[in-house]
PDB file of all heavy atoms in Angstrom:
ATOM      1  N   ALA A   1      -6.240  98.805 113.295  1.00  0.00           N
ATOM      2  CA  ALA A   1      -6.561 100.003 113.970  1.00  0.00           C
ATOM      3  C   ALA A   1      -7.245 101.024 112.998  1.00  0.00           C
ATOM      4  O   ALA A   1      -8.006 101.800 113.383  1.00  0.00           O
ATOM      5  CB  ALA A   1      -5.278 100.667 114.379  1.00  0.00           C
ATOM      6  N   PHE A   2      -6.955 100.996 111.755  1.00  0.00           N
ATOM      7  CA  PHE A   2      -7.534 101.756 110.710  1.00  0.00           C
ATOM      8  C   PHE A   2      -8.611 101.177 109.813  1.00  0.00           C
ATOM      9  O   PHE A   2      -9.067 101.771 108.916  1.00  0.00           O
ATOM     10  CB  PHE A   2      -6.422 102.348 109.801  1.00  0.00           C
ATOM     11  CG  PHE A   2      -5.541 103.379 110.540  1.00  0.00           C
ATOM     12  CD1 PHE A   2      -4.423 102.840 111.240  1.00  0.00           C
ATOM     13  CD2 PHE A   2      -5.809 104.605 110.700  1.00  0.00           C
ATOM     14  CE1 PHE A   2      -3.606 103.806 111.940  1.00  0.00           C
ATOM     15  CE2 PHE A   2      -5.049 105.575 111.285  1.00  0.00           C
ATOM     16  CZ  PHE A   2      -3.879 105.005 111.946  1.00  0.00           C
ATOM     17  N   SER A   3      -9.022  99.911 110.110  1.00  0.00           N
ATOM     18  CA  SER A   3     -10.013  99.154 109.361  1.00  0.00           C
ATOM     19  C   SER A   3      -9.522  99.120 107.804  1.00  0.00           C
ATOM     20  O   SER A   3     -10.375  99.358 106.941  1.00  0.00           O
ATOM     21  CB  SER A   3     -11.415  99.812 109.507  1.00  0.00           C
ATOM     22  OG  SER A   3     -11.790  99.780 110.831  1.00  0.00           O
ATOM     23  N   LEU A   4      -8.293  98.858 107.636  1.00  0.00           N
ATOM     24  CA  LEU A   4      -7.717  98.678 106.270  1.00  0.00           C
ATOM     25  C   LEU A   4      -8.024  97.223 105.888  1.00  0.00           C
ATOM     26  O   LEU A   4      -7.337  96.241 106.337  1.00  0.00           O
ATOM     27  CB  LEU A   4      -6.285  99.035 106.277  1.00  0.00           C
ATOM     28  CG  LEU A   4      -5.589  98.864 104.915  1.00  0.00           C
ATOM     29  CD1 LEU A   4      -6.156  99.831 103.798  1.00  0.00           C
ATOM     30  CD2 LEU A   4      -4.038  99.010 105.036  1.00  0.00           C
ATOM     31  N   THR A   5      -9.073  97.030 105.058  1.00  0.00           N
ATOM     32  CA  THR A   5      -9.448  95.663 104.666  1.00  0.00           C
ATOM     33  C   THR A   5      -9.596  95.630 103.145  1.00  0.00           C
ATOM     34  O   THR A   5      -9.665  96.615 102.369  1.00  0.00           O
ATOM     35  CB  THR A   5     -10.819  95.261 105.318  1.00  0.00           C
ATOM     36  OG1 THR A   5     -11.804  96.233 104.823  1.00  0.00           O
ATOM     37  CG2 THR A   5     -10.757  95.340 106.827  1.00  0.00           C
ATOM     38  N   PHE A   6      -9.712  94.429 102.768  1.00  0.00           N
ATOM     39  CA  PHE A   6      -9.968  94.137 101.351  1.00  0.00           C
ATOM     40  C   PHE A   6     -11.092  93.005 101.233  1.00  0.00           C
ATOM     41  O   PHE A   6     -11.150  92.276 102.097  1.00  0.00           O
ATOM     42  CB  PHE A   6      -8.673  93.674 100.524  1.00  0.00           C
ATOM     43  CG  PHE A   6      -8.321  92.261 100.983  1.00  0.00           C
ATOM     44  CD1 PHE A   6      -8.619  91.199 100.153  1.00  0.00           C
ATOM     45  CD2 PHE A   6      -7.383  92.176 102.038  1.00  0.00           C
ATOM     46  CE1 PHE A   6      -8.195  90.015 100.530  1.00  0.00           C
ATOM     47  CE2 PHE A   6      -7.021  90.906 102.361  1.00  0.00           C
ATOM     48  CZ  PHE A   6      -7.410  89.851 101.661  1.00  0.00           C
ATOM     49  N   LYS A   7     -11.724  93.027 100.036  1.00  0.00           N
ATOM     50  CA  LYS A   7     -12.843  91.984  99.948  1.00  0.00           C
ATOM     51  C   LYS A   7     -12.126  90.802  99.134  1.00  0.00           C
ATOM     52  O   LYS A   7     -11.615  91.115  97.989  1.00  0.00           O
ATOM     53  CB  LYS A   7     -14.091  92.510  99.267  1.00  0.00           C
ATOM     54  CG  LYS A   7     -14.933  93.460 100.115  1.00  0.00           C
ATOM     55  CD  LYS A   7     -16.081  93.887  99.410  1.00  0.00           C
ATOM     56  CE  LYS A   7     -16.882  94.839 100.281  1.00  0.00           C
ATOM     57  NZ  LYS A   7     -16.234  96.106 100.522  1.00  0.00           N
ATOM     58  N   ASP A   8     -12.272  89.655  99.616  1.00  0.00           N
ATOM     59  CA  ASP A   8     -11.694  88.492  98.893  1.00  0.00           C
ATOM     60  C   ASP A   8     -12.636  88.132  97.699  1.00  0.00           C
ATOM     61  O   ASP A   8     -13.658  88.752  97.447  1.00  0.00           O
ATOM     62  CB  ASP A   8     -11.390  87.285  99.901  1.00  0.00           C
ATOM     63  CG  ASP A   8     -12.646  86.706 100.412  1.00  0.00           C
ATOM     64  OD1 ASP A   8     -13.769  86.994  99.942  1.00  0.00           O
ATOM     65  OD2 ASP A   8     -12.485  85.934 101.398  1.00  0.00           O
ATOM     66  N   GLU A   9     -12.281  86.931  97.122  1.00  0.00           N
ATOM     67  CA  GLU A   9     -13.028  86.613  95.916  1.00  0.00           C
ATOM     68  C   GLU A   9     -14.508  86.293  96.216  1.00  0.00           C
ATOM     69  O   GLU A   9     -15.440  86.248  95.305  1.00  0.00           O
ATOM     70  CB  GLU A   9     -12.381  85.388  95.222  1.00  0.00           C
ATOM     71  CG  GLU A   9     -11.019  85.817  94.653  1.00  0.00           C
ATOM     72  CD  GLU A   9     -10.361  84.579  94.070  1.00  0.00           C
ATOM     73  OE1 GLU A   9     -10.930  83.523  94.028  1.00  0.00           O
ATOM     74  OE2 GLU A   9      -9.208  84.781  93.706  1.00  0.00           O
ATOM     75  N   GLN A  10     -14.839  85.934  97.447  1.00  0.00           N
ATOM     76  CA  GLN A  10     -16.178  85.607  97.903  1.00  0.00           C
ATOM     77  C   GLN A  10     -16.867  86.935  98.487  1.00  0.00           C
ATOM     78  O   GLN A  10     -18.008  86.868  98.938  1.00  0.00           O
ATOM     79  CB  GLN A  10     -16.245  84.590  98.971  1.00  0.00           C
ATOM     80  CG  GLN A  10     -15.931  83.160  98.494  1.00  0.00           C
ATOM     81  CD  GLN A  10     -14.490  82.872  97.970  1.00  0.00           C
ATOM     82  OE1 GLN A  10     -13.581  83.345  98.759  1.00  0.00           O
ATOM     83  NE2 GLN A  10     -14.289  82.429  96.868  1.00  0.00           N
ATOM     84  N   GLY A  11     -16.131  88.037  98.381  1.00  0.00           N
ATOM     85  CA  GLY A  11     -16.675  89.343  98.888  1.00  0.00           C
ATOM     86  C   GLY A  11     -16.662  89.448 100.417  1.00  0.00           C
ATOM     87  O   GLY A  11     -17.344  90.291 100.938  1.00  0.00           O
ATOM     88  N   VAL A  12     -15.839  88.620 101.129  1.00  0.00           N
ATOM     89  CA  VAL A  12     -15.587  88.717 102.493  1.00  0.00           C
ATOM     90  C   VAL A  12     -14.618  89.739 102.789  1.00  0.00           C
ATOM     91  O   VAL A  12     -13.418  89.572 102.265  1.00  0.00           O
ATOM     92  CB  VAL A  12     -15.308  87.318 103.188  1.00  0.00           C
ATOM     93  CG1 VAL A  12     -15.079  87.483 104.586  1.00  0.00           C
ATOM     94  CG2 VAL A  12     -16.477  86.364 102.765  1.00  0.00           C
ATOM     95  N   ALA A  13     -14.849  90.577 103.723  1.00  0.00           N
ATOM     96  CA  ALA A  13     -13.781  91.672 104.122  1.00  0.00           C
ATOM     97  C   ALA A  13     -12.700  91.021 105.104  1.00  0.00           C
ATOM     98  O   ALA A  13     -13.068  90.381 106.010  1.00  0.00           O
ATOM     99  CB  ALA A  13     -14.311  92.780 104.805  1.00  0.00           C
ATOM    100  N   LYS A  14     -11.486  91.260 104.708  1.00  0.00           N
ATOM    101  CA  LYS A  14     -10.304  90.637 105.562  1.00  0.00           C
ATOM    102  C   LYS A  14      -9.236  91.746 105.614  1.00  0.00           C
ATOM    103  O   LYS A  14      -9.101  92.627 104.788  1.00  0.00           O
ATOM    104  CB  LYS A  14      -9.669  89.457 104.728  1.00  0.00           C
ATOM    105  CG  LYS A  14     -10.591  88.275 104.686  1.00  0.00           C
ATOM    106  CD  LYS A  14      -9.951  87.112 104.075  1.00  0.00           C
ATOM    107  CE  LYS A  14     -10.816  85.859 104.053  1.00  0.00           C
ATOM    108  NZ  LYS A  14     -10.168  84.687 103.324  1.00  0.00           N
ATOM    109  N   PRO A  15      -8.525  91.601 106.852  1.00  0.00           N
ATOM    110  CA  PRO A  15      -7.549  92.690 107.108  1.00  0.00           C
ATOM    111  C   PRO A  15      -6.388  92.466 106.203  1.00  0.00           C
ATOM    112  O   PRO A  15      -5.890  91.363 105.872  1.00  0.00           O
ATOM    113  CB  PRO A  15      -7.219  92.444 108.498  1.00  0.00           C
ATOM    114  CG  PRO A  15      -7.520  91.044 108.753  1.00  0.00           C
ATOM    115  CD  PRO A  15      -8.685  90.743 107.924  1.00  0.00           C
ATOM    116  N   VAL A  16      -5.677  93.665 105.828  1.00  0.00           N
ATOM    117  CA  VAL A  16      -4.507  93.610 105.008  1.00  0.00           C
ATOM    118  C   VAL A  16      -3.269  93.249 105.953  1.00  0.00           C
ATOM    119  O   VAL A  16      -3.162  93.729 107.094  1.00  0.00           O
ATOM    120  CB  VAL A  16      -4.321  94.952 104.245  1.00  0.00           C
ATOM    121  CG1 VAL A  16      -2.926  94.974 103.664  1.00  0.00           C
ATOM    122  CG2 VAL A  16      -5.427  95.249 103.427  1.00  0.00           C
ATOM    123  N   ILE A  17      -2.405  92.301 105.325  1.00  0.00           N
ATOM    124  CA  ILE A  17      -1.141  91.878 106.116  1.00  0.00           C
ATOM    125  C   ILE A  17      -0.040  92.905 105.676  1.00  0.00           C
ATOM    126  O   ILE A  17       0.157  93.211 104.485  1.00  0.00           O
ATOM    127  CB  ILE A  17      -0.738  90.619 105.768  1.00  0.00           C
ATOM    128  CG1 ILE A  17      -1.925  89.617 106.019  1.00  0.00           C
ATOM    129  CG2 ILE A  17       0.473  90.099 106.581  1.00  0.00           C
ATOM    130  CD1 ILE A  17      -2.300  89.515 107.422  1.00  0.00           C
ATOM    131  N   MET A  18       0.685  93.572 106.758  1.00  0.00           N
ATOM    132  CA  MET A  18       1.603  94.597 106.432  1.00  0.00           C
ATOM    133  C   MET A  18       3.021  94.293 106.911  1.00  0.00           C
ATOM    134  O   MET A  18       3.220  93.435 107.690  1.00  0.00           O
ATOM    135  CB  MET A  18       1.162  95.921 107.093  1.00  0.00           C
ATOM    136  CG  MET A  18      -0.152  96.576 106.493  1.00  0.00           C
ATOM    137  SD  MET A  18      -0.678  98.034 107.387  1.00  0.00           S
ATOM    138  CE  MET A  18       0.899  98.977 107.302  1.00  0.00           C
ATOM    139  N   GLY A  19       3.994  94.960 106.275  1.00  0.00           N
ATOM    140  CA  GLY A  19       5.312  94.841 106.660  1.00  0.00           C
ATOM    141  C   GLY A  19       6.105  96.133 106.606  1.00  0.00           C
ATOM    142  O   GLY A  19       5.660  97.082 105.913  1.00  0.00           O
ATOM    143  N   SER A  20       7.244  96.401 107.177  1.00  0.00           N
ATOM    144  CA  SER A  20       7.829  97.679 107.298  1.00  0.00           C
ATOM    145  C   SER A  20       9.332  97.436 107.142  1.00  0.00           C
ATOM    146  O   SER A  20       9.966  96.485 107.748  1.00  0.00           O
ATOM    147  CB  SER A  20       7.556  98.487 108.590  1.00  0.00           C
ATOM    148  OG  SER A  20       8.332  99.619 108.728  1.00  0.00           O
ATOM    149  N   TYR A  21      10.034  98.275 106.303  1.00  0.00           N
ATOM    150  CA  TYR A  21      11.372  97.923 105.874  1.00  0.00           C
ATOM    151  C   TYR A  21      12.250  99.318 105.858  1.00  0.00           C
ATOM    152  O   TYR A  21      11.934 100.207 105.042  1.00  0.00           O
ATOM    153  CB  TYR A  21      11.436  97.216 104.534  1.00  0.00           C
ATOM    154  CG  TYR A  21      10.365  96.219 104.382  1.00  0.00           C
ATOM    155  CD1 TYR A  21       9.010  96.486 104.092  1.00  0.00           C
ATOM    156  CD2 TYR A  21      10.757  94.716 104.549  1.00  0.00           C
ATOM    157  CE1 TYR A  21       8.155  95.621 104.039  1.00  0.00           C
ATOM    158  CE2 TYR A  21       9.766  93.828 104.498  1.00  0.00           C
ATOM    159  CZ  TYR A  21       8.498  94.173 104.148  1.00  0.00           C
ATOM    160  OH  TYR A  21       7.462  93.177 104.061  1.00  0.00           O
ATOM    161  N   GLY A  22      13.132  99.363 106.728  1.00  0.00           N
ATOM    162  CA  GLY A  22      13.926 100.730 106.888  1.00  0.00           C
ATOM    163  C   GLY A  22      15.397 100.735 106.699  1.00  0.00           C
ATOM    164  O   GLY A  22      16.069  99.693 107.094  1.00  0.00           O
ATOM    165  N   ILE A  23      15.892 101.690 106.139  1.00  0.00           N
ATOM    166  CA  ILE A  23      17.323 101.976 106.111  1.00  0.00           C
ATOM    167  C   ILE A  23      17.539 103.434 106.098  1.00  0.00           C
ATOM    168  O   ILE A  23      16.873 104.221 105.578  1.00  0.00           O
ATOM    169  CB  ILE A  23      17.973 101.591 104.586  1.00  0.00           C
ATOM    170  CG1 ILE A  23      17.906  99.960 104.483  1.00  0.00           C
ATOM    171  CG2 ILE A  23      19.480 101.920 104.516  1.00  0.00           C
ATOM    172  CD1 ILE A  23      18.358  99.435 103.186  1.00  0.00           C
ATOM    173  N   GLY A  24      18.514 103.864 106.883  1.00  0.00           N
ATOM    174  CA  GLY A  24      18.999 105.273 106.938  1.00  0.00           C
ATOM    175  C   GLY A  24      20.163 105.566 106.206  1.00  0.00           C
ATOM    176  O   GLY A  24      21.219 105.184 106.472  1.00  0.00           O
ATOM    177  N   PRO A  25      20.070 106.223 105.045  1.00  0.00           N
ATOM    178  CA  PRO A  25      21.209 106.445 104.082  1.00  0.00           C
ATOM    179  C   PRO A  25      22.330 107.244 104.970  1.00  0.00           C
ATOM    180  O   PRO A  25      23.519 106.906 104.616  1.00  0.00           O
ATOM    181  CB  PRO A  25      20.557 107.382 103.097  1.00  0.00           C
ATOM    182  CG  PRO A  25      19.021 106.956 103.014  1.00  0.00           C
ATOM    183  CD  PRO A  25      18.763 106.642 104.367  1.00  0.00           C
ATOM    184  N   GLY A  26      22.003 108.307 105.647  1.00  0.00           N
ATOM    185  CA  GLY A  26      22.937 108.968 106.371  1.00  0.00           C
ATOM    186  C   GLY A  26      23.775 108.070 107.395  1.00  0.00           C
ATOM    187  O   GLY A  26      24.963 108.133 107.659  1.00  0.00           O
ATOM    188  N   ARG A  27      22.939 107.245 108.167  1.00  0.00           N
ATOM    189  CA  ARG A  27      23.523 106.328 109.159  1.00  0.00           C
ATOM    190  C   ARG A  27      24.400 105.370 108.322  1.00  0.00           C
ATOM    191  O   ARG A  27      25.563 105.028 108.791  1.00  0.00           O
ATOM    192  CB  ARG A  27      22.426 105.549 109.758  1.00  0.00           C
ATOM    193  CG  ARG A  27      22.820 104.597 110.810  1.00  0.00           C
ATOM    194  CD  ARG A  27      21.645 103.973 111.593  1.00  0.00           C
ATOM    195  NE  ARG A  27      22.015 103.042 112.580  1.00  0.00           N
ATOM    196  CZ  ARG A  27      22.241 103.371 113.916  1.00  0.00           C
ATOM    197  NH1 ARG A  27      22.057 104.600 114.190  1.00  0.00           N
ATOM    198  NH2 ARG A  27      22.577 102.497 114.686  1.00  0.00           N
ATOM    199  N   VAL A  28      24.135 104.917 107.192  1.00  0.00           N
ATOM    200  CA  VAL A  28      24.950 104.025 106.392  1.00  0.00           C
ATOM    201  C   VAL A  28      26.258 104.662 105.980  1.00  0.00           C
ATOM    202  O   VAL A  28      27.381 104.190 106.034  1.00  0.00           O
ATOM    203  CB  VAL A  28      24.211 103.487 105.163  1.00  0.00           C
ATOM    204  CG1 VAL A  28      25.166 102.769 104.124  1.00  0.00           C
ATOM    205  CG2 VAL A  28      23.148 102.519 105.602  1.00  0.00           C
ATOM    206  N   MET A  29      26.105 106.050 105.555  1.00  0.00           N
ATOM    207  CA  MET A  29      27.278 106.746 105.129  1.00  0.00           C
ATOM    208  C   MET A  29      28.282 106.899 106.416  1.00  0.00           C
ATOM    209  O   MET A  29      29.442 106.709 106.129  1.00  0.00           O
ATOM    210  CB  MET A  29      26.777 108.202 104.833  1.00  0.00           C
ATOM    211  CG  MET A  29      27.843 109.107 104.306  1.00  0.00           C
ATOM    212  SD  MET A  29      27.141 110.664 103.671  1.00  0.00           S
ATOM    213  CE  MET A  29      28.555 111.711 103.576  1.00  0.00           C
ATOM    214  N   GLY A  30      27.653 107.177 107.564  1.00  0.00           N
ATOM    215  CA  GLY A  30      28.568 107.109 108.750  1.00  0.00           C
ATOM    216  C   GLY A  30      29.311 105.843 109.046  1.00  0.00           C
ATOM    217  O   GLY A  30      30.454 105.740 109.387  1.00  0.00           O
ATOM    218  N   THR A  31      28.482 104.771 108.818  1.00  0.00           N
ATOM    219  CA  THR A  31      29.030 103.434 109.067  1.00  0.00           C
ATOM    220  C   THR A  31      30.176 103.122 108.061  1.00  0.00           C
ATOM    221  O   THR A  31      31.122 102.434 108.392  1.00  0.00           O
ATOM    222  CB  THR A  31      27.967 102.278 108.932  1.00  0.00           C
ATOM    223  OG1 THR A  31      26.844 102.630 109.850  1.00  0.00           O
ATOM    224  CG2 THR A  31      28.442 100.960 109.234  1.00  0.00           C
ATOM    225  N   ILE A  32      29.964 103.517 106.843  1.00  0.00           N
ATOM    226  CA  ILE A  32      30.980 103.226 105.829  1.00  0.00           C
ATOM    227  C   ILE A  32      32.355 103.935 106.246  1.00  0.00           C
ATOM    228  O   ILE A  32      33.352 103.418 106.147  1.00  0.00           O
ATOM    229  CB  ILE A  32      30.627 103.720 104.418  1.00  0.00           C
ATOM    230  CG1 ILE A  32      29.451 102.942 103.871  1.00  0.00           C
ATOM    231  CG2 ILE A  32      31.805 103.832 103.440  1.00  0.00           C
ATOM    232  CD1 ILE A  32      28.802 103.485 102.730  1.00  0.00           C
ATOM    233  N   VAL A  33      32.156 105.111 106.732  1.00  0.00           N
ATOM    234  CA  VAL A  33      33.407 105.904 107.150  1.00  0.00           C
ATOM    235  C   VAL A  33      34.081 105.282 108.224  1.00  0.00           C
ATOM    236  O   VAL A  33      35.224 105.166 108.326  1.00  0.00           O
ATOM    237  CB  VAL A  33      33.028 107.451 107.486  1.00  0.00           C
ATOM    238  CG1 VAL A  33      34.138 108.165 108.101  1.00  0.00           C
ATOM    239  CG2 VAL A  33      32.543 108.096 106.331  1.00  0.00           C
ATOM    240  N   GLU A  34      33.344 104.805 109.279  1.00  0.00           N
ATOM    241  CA  GLU A  34      33.825 104.099 110.445  1.00  0.00           C
ATOM    242  C   GLU A  34      34.498 102.838 110.043  1.00  0.00           C
ATOM    243  O   GLU A  34      35.619 102.539 110.576  1.00  0.00           O
ATOM    244  CB  GLU A  34      32.695 103.713 111.412  1.00  0.00           C
ATOM    245  CG  GLU A  34      31.962 104.808 112.164  1.00  0.00           C
ATOM    246  CD  GLU A  34      32.948 105.373 113.205  1.00  0.00           C
ATOM    247  OE1 GLU A  34      33.809 104.872 113.694  1.00  0.00           O
ATOM    248  OE2 GLU A  34      32.544 106.486 113.774  1.00  0.00           O
ATOM    249  N   LEU A  35      33.974 102.098 109.038  1.00  0.00           N
ATOM    250  CA  LEU A  35      34.648 100.793 108.673  1.00  0.00           C
ATOM    251  C   LEU A  35      35.720 101.023 107.739  1.00  0.00           C
ATOM    252  O   LEU A  35      36.727 100.218 107.873  1.00  0.00           O
ATOM    253  CB  LEU A  35      33.458 100.025 107.882  1.00  0.00           C
ATOM    254  CG  LEU A  35      32.717  98.998 108.715  1.00  0.00           C
ATOM    255  CD1 LEU A  35      31.748  98.179 107.790  1.00  0.00           C
ATOM    256  CD2 LEU A  35      33.606  98.036 109.466  1.00  0.00           C
ATOM    257  N   LEU A  36      35.673 101.871 106.731  1.00  0.00           N
ATOM    258  CA  LEU A  36      36.631 101.875 105.644  1.00  0.00           C
ATOM    259  C   LEU A  36      37.727 102.933 105.701  1.00  0.00           C
ATOM    260  O   LEU A  36      38.529 103.082 104.858  1.00  0.00           O
ATOM    261  CB  LEU A  36      35.788 101.959 104.314  1.00  0.00           C
ATOM    262  CG  LEU A  36      34.846 100.766 104.158  1.00  0.00           C
ATOM    263  CD1 LEU A  36      34.110 100.885 102.747  1.00  0.00           C
ATOM    264  CD2 LEU A  36      35.413  99.344 104.244  1.00  0.00           C
ATOM    265  N   SER A  37      37.668 103.821 106.699  1.00  0.00           N
ATOM    266  CA  SER A  37      38.790 104.797 106.836  1.00  0.00           C
ATOM    267  C   SER A  37      40.140 104.155 107.325  1.00  0.00           C
ATOM    268  O   SER A  37      40.118 103.075 107.945  1.00  0.00           O
ATOM    269  CB  SER A  37      38.277 105.925 107.724  1.00  0.00           C
ATOM    270  OG  SER A  37      38.074 105.358 109.074  1.00  0.00           O
ATOM    271  N   ASP A  38      41.141 104.942 107.097  1.00  0.00           N
ATOM    272  CA  ASP A  38      42.383 104.501 107.657  1.00  0.00           C
ATOM    273  C   ASP A  38      43.065 105.729 108.375  1.00  0.00           C
ATOM    274  O   ASP A  38      42.395 106.676 108.661  1.00  0.00           O
ATOM    275  CB  ASP A  38      43.375 103.961 106.573  1.00  0.00           C
ATOM    276  CG  ASP A  38      43.647 104.996 105.514  1.00  0.00           C
ATOM    277  OD1 ASP A  38      43.499 106.176 105.631  1.00  0.00           O
ATOM    278  OD2 ASP A  38      43.977 104.558 104.419  1.00  0.00           O
ATOM    279  N   GLU A  39      44.372 105.556 108.736  1.00  0.00           N
ATOM    280  CA  GLU A  39      44.981 106.663 109.523  1.00  0.00           C
ATOM    281  C   GLU A  39      45.089 107.981 108.666  1.00  0.00           C
ATOM    282  O   GLU A  39      45.318 109.078 109.311  1.00  0.00           O
ATOM    283  CB  GLU A  39      46.370 106.196 110.046  1.00  0.00           C
ATOM    284  CG  GLU A  39      47.453 106.022 108.973  1.00  0.00           C
ATOM    285  CD  GLU A  39      47.291 104.699 108.158  1.00  0.00           C
ATOM    286  OE1 GLU A  39      46.371 103.947 108.501  1.00  0.00           O
ATOM    287  OE2 GLU A  39      48.120 104.560 107.170  1.00  0.00           O
ATOM    288  N   LYS A  40      45.005 107.871 107.391  1.00  0.00           N
ATOM    289  CA  LYS A  40      45.054 109.110 106.549  1.00  0.00           C
ATOM    290  C   LYS A  40      43.730 109.745 106.408  1.00  0.00           C
ATOM    291  O   LYS A  40      43.804 110.991 106.026  1.00  0.00           O
ATOM    292  CB  LYS A  40      45.768 108.698 105.300  1.00  0.00           C
ATOM    293  CG  LYS A  40      47.215 108.219 105.334  1.00  0.00           C
ATOM    294  CD  LYS A  40      47.677 107.854 103.902  1.00  0.00           C
ATOM    295  CE  LYS A  40      49.079 107.263 104.067  1.00  0.00           C
ATOM    296  NZ  LYS A  40      49.506 106.748 102.663  1.00  0.00           N
ATOM    297  N   GLY A  41      42.641 109.184 106.495  1.00  0.00           N
ATOM    298  CA  GLY A  41      41.410 109.718 106.074  1.00  0.00           C
ATOM    299  C   GLY A  41      40.345 108.616 105.675  1.00  0.00           C
ATOM    300  O   GLY A  41      40.404 107.462 105.957  1.00  0.00           O
ATOM    301  N   ILE A  42      39.383 109.094 104.916  1.00  0.00           N
ATOM    302  CA  ILE A  42      38.259 108.361 104.440  1.00  0.00           C
ATOM    303  C   ILE A  42      38.594 107.539 103.253  1.00  0.00           C
ATOM    304  O   ILE A  42      39.623 107.989 102.455  1.00  0.00           O
ATOM    305  CB  ILE A  42      37.053 109.218 104.035  1.00  0.00           C
ATOM    306  CG1 ILE A  42      36.679 110.067 105.234  1.00  0.00           C
ATOM    307  CG2 ILE A  42      35.901 108.335 103.534  1.00  0.00           C
ATOM    308  CD1 ILE A  42      35.696 111.125 104.945  1.00  0.00           C
ATOM    309  N   VAL A  43      38.130 106.287 103.138  1.00  0.00           N
ATOM    310  CA  VAL A  43      38.365 105.449 101.926  1.00  0.00           C
ATOM    311  C   VAL A  43      36.963 105.054 101.364  1.00  0.00           C
ATOM    312  O   VAL A  43      36.364 104.192 101.821  1.00  0.00           O
ATOM    313  CB  VAL A  43      39.136 104.261 102.175  1.00  0.00           C
ATOM    314  CG1 VAL A  43      39.458 103.374 100.956  1.00  0.00           C
ATOM    315  CG2 VAL A  43      40.414 104.570 102.848  1.00  0.00           C
ATOM    316  N   TRP A  44      36.480 105.930 100.387  1.00  0.00           N
ATOM    317  CA  TRP A  44      35.159 105.646  99.811  1.00  0.00           C
ATOM    318  C   TRP A  44      35.136 104.473  98.810  1.00  0.00           C
ATOM    319  O   TRP A  44      36.001 104.351  97.946  1.00  0.00           O
ATOM    320  CB  TRP A  44      34.565 106.865  99.116  1.00  0.00           C
ATOM    321  CG  TRP A  44      34.316 108.014  99.930  1.00  0.00           C
ATOM    322  CD1 TRP A  44      34.966 109.213  99.844  1.00  0.00           C
ATOM    323  CD2 TRP A  44      33.270 108.094 100.968  1.00  0.00           C
ATOM    324  NE1 TRP A  44      34.405 110.152 100.806  1.00  0.00           N
ATOM    325  CE2 TRP A  44      33.345 109.432 101.468  1.00  0.00           C
ATOM    326  CE3 TRP A  44      32.371 107.256 101.500  1.00  0.00           C
ATOM    327  CZ2 TRP A  44      32.483 110.040 102.473  1.00  0.00           C
ATOM    328  CZ3 TRP A  44      31.508 107.806 102.489  1.00  0.00           C
ATOM    329  CH2 TRP A  44      31.603 109.089 102.980  1.00  0.00           C
ATOM    330  N   PRO A  45      34.176 103.548  98.968  1.00  0.00           N
ATOM    331  CA  PRO A  45      33.925 102.637  97.885  1.00  0.00           C
ATOM    332  C   PRO A  45      33.514 103.297  96.627  1.00  0.00           C
ATOM    333  O   PRO A  45      32.942 104.369  96.703  1.00  0.00           O
ATOM    334  CB  PRO A  45      32.714 101.731  98.382  1.00  0.00           C
ATOM    335  CG  PRO A  45      32.582 102.070  99.818  1.00  0.00           C
ATOM    336  CD  PRO A  45      33.133 103.401 100.097  1.00  0.00           C
ATOM    337  N   GLU A  46      33.949 102.770  95.577  1.00  0.00           N
ATOM    338  CA  GLU A  46      33.654 103.483  94.309  1.00  0.00           C
ATOM    339  C   GLU A  46      32.236 103.691  93.953  1.00  0.00           C
ATOM    340  O   GLU A  46      31.860 104.685  93.421  1.00  0.00           O
ATOM    341  CB  GLU A  46      34.354 102.802  93.157  1.00  0.00           C
ATOM    342  CG  GLU A  46      34.418 103.470  91.781  1.00  0.00           C
ATOM    343  CD  GLU A  46      35.432 102.983  90.819  1.00  0.00           C
ATOM    344  OE1 GLU A  46      36.347 102.353  91.309  1.00  0.00           O
ATOM    345  OE2 GLU A  46      35.370 103.362  89.641  1.00  0.00           O
TER     346      GLU A  46
END
């Protein structure tokens, strides 16, 4: 879509191969509380 290319060793233009990798720190924080709390409150991993 953006014509993001590179020239290979023969000078031929080729498209770049991409990947995407996500983590939500706040979402993880909430998940830790859901998983590791008890009837008294939160139990944080050290």
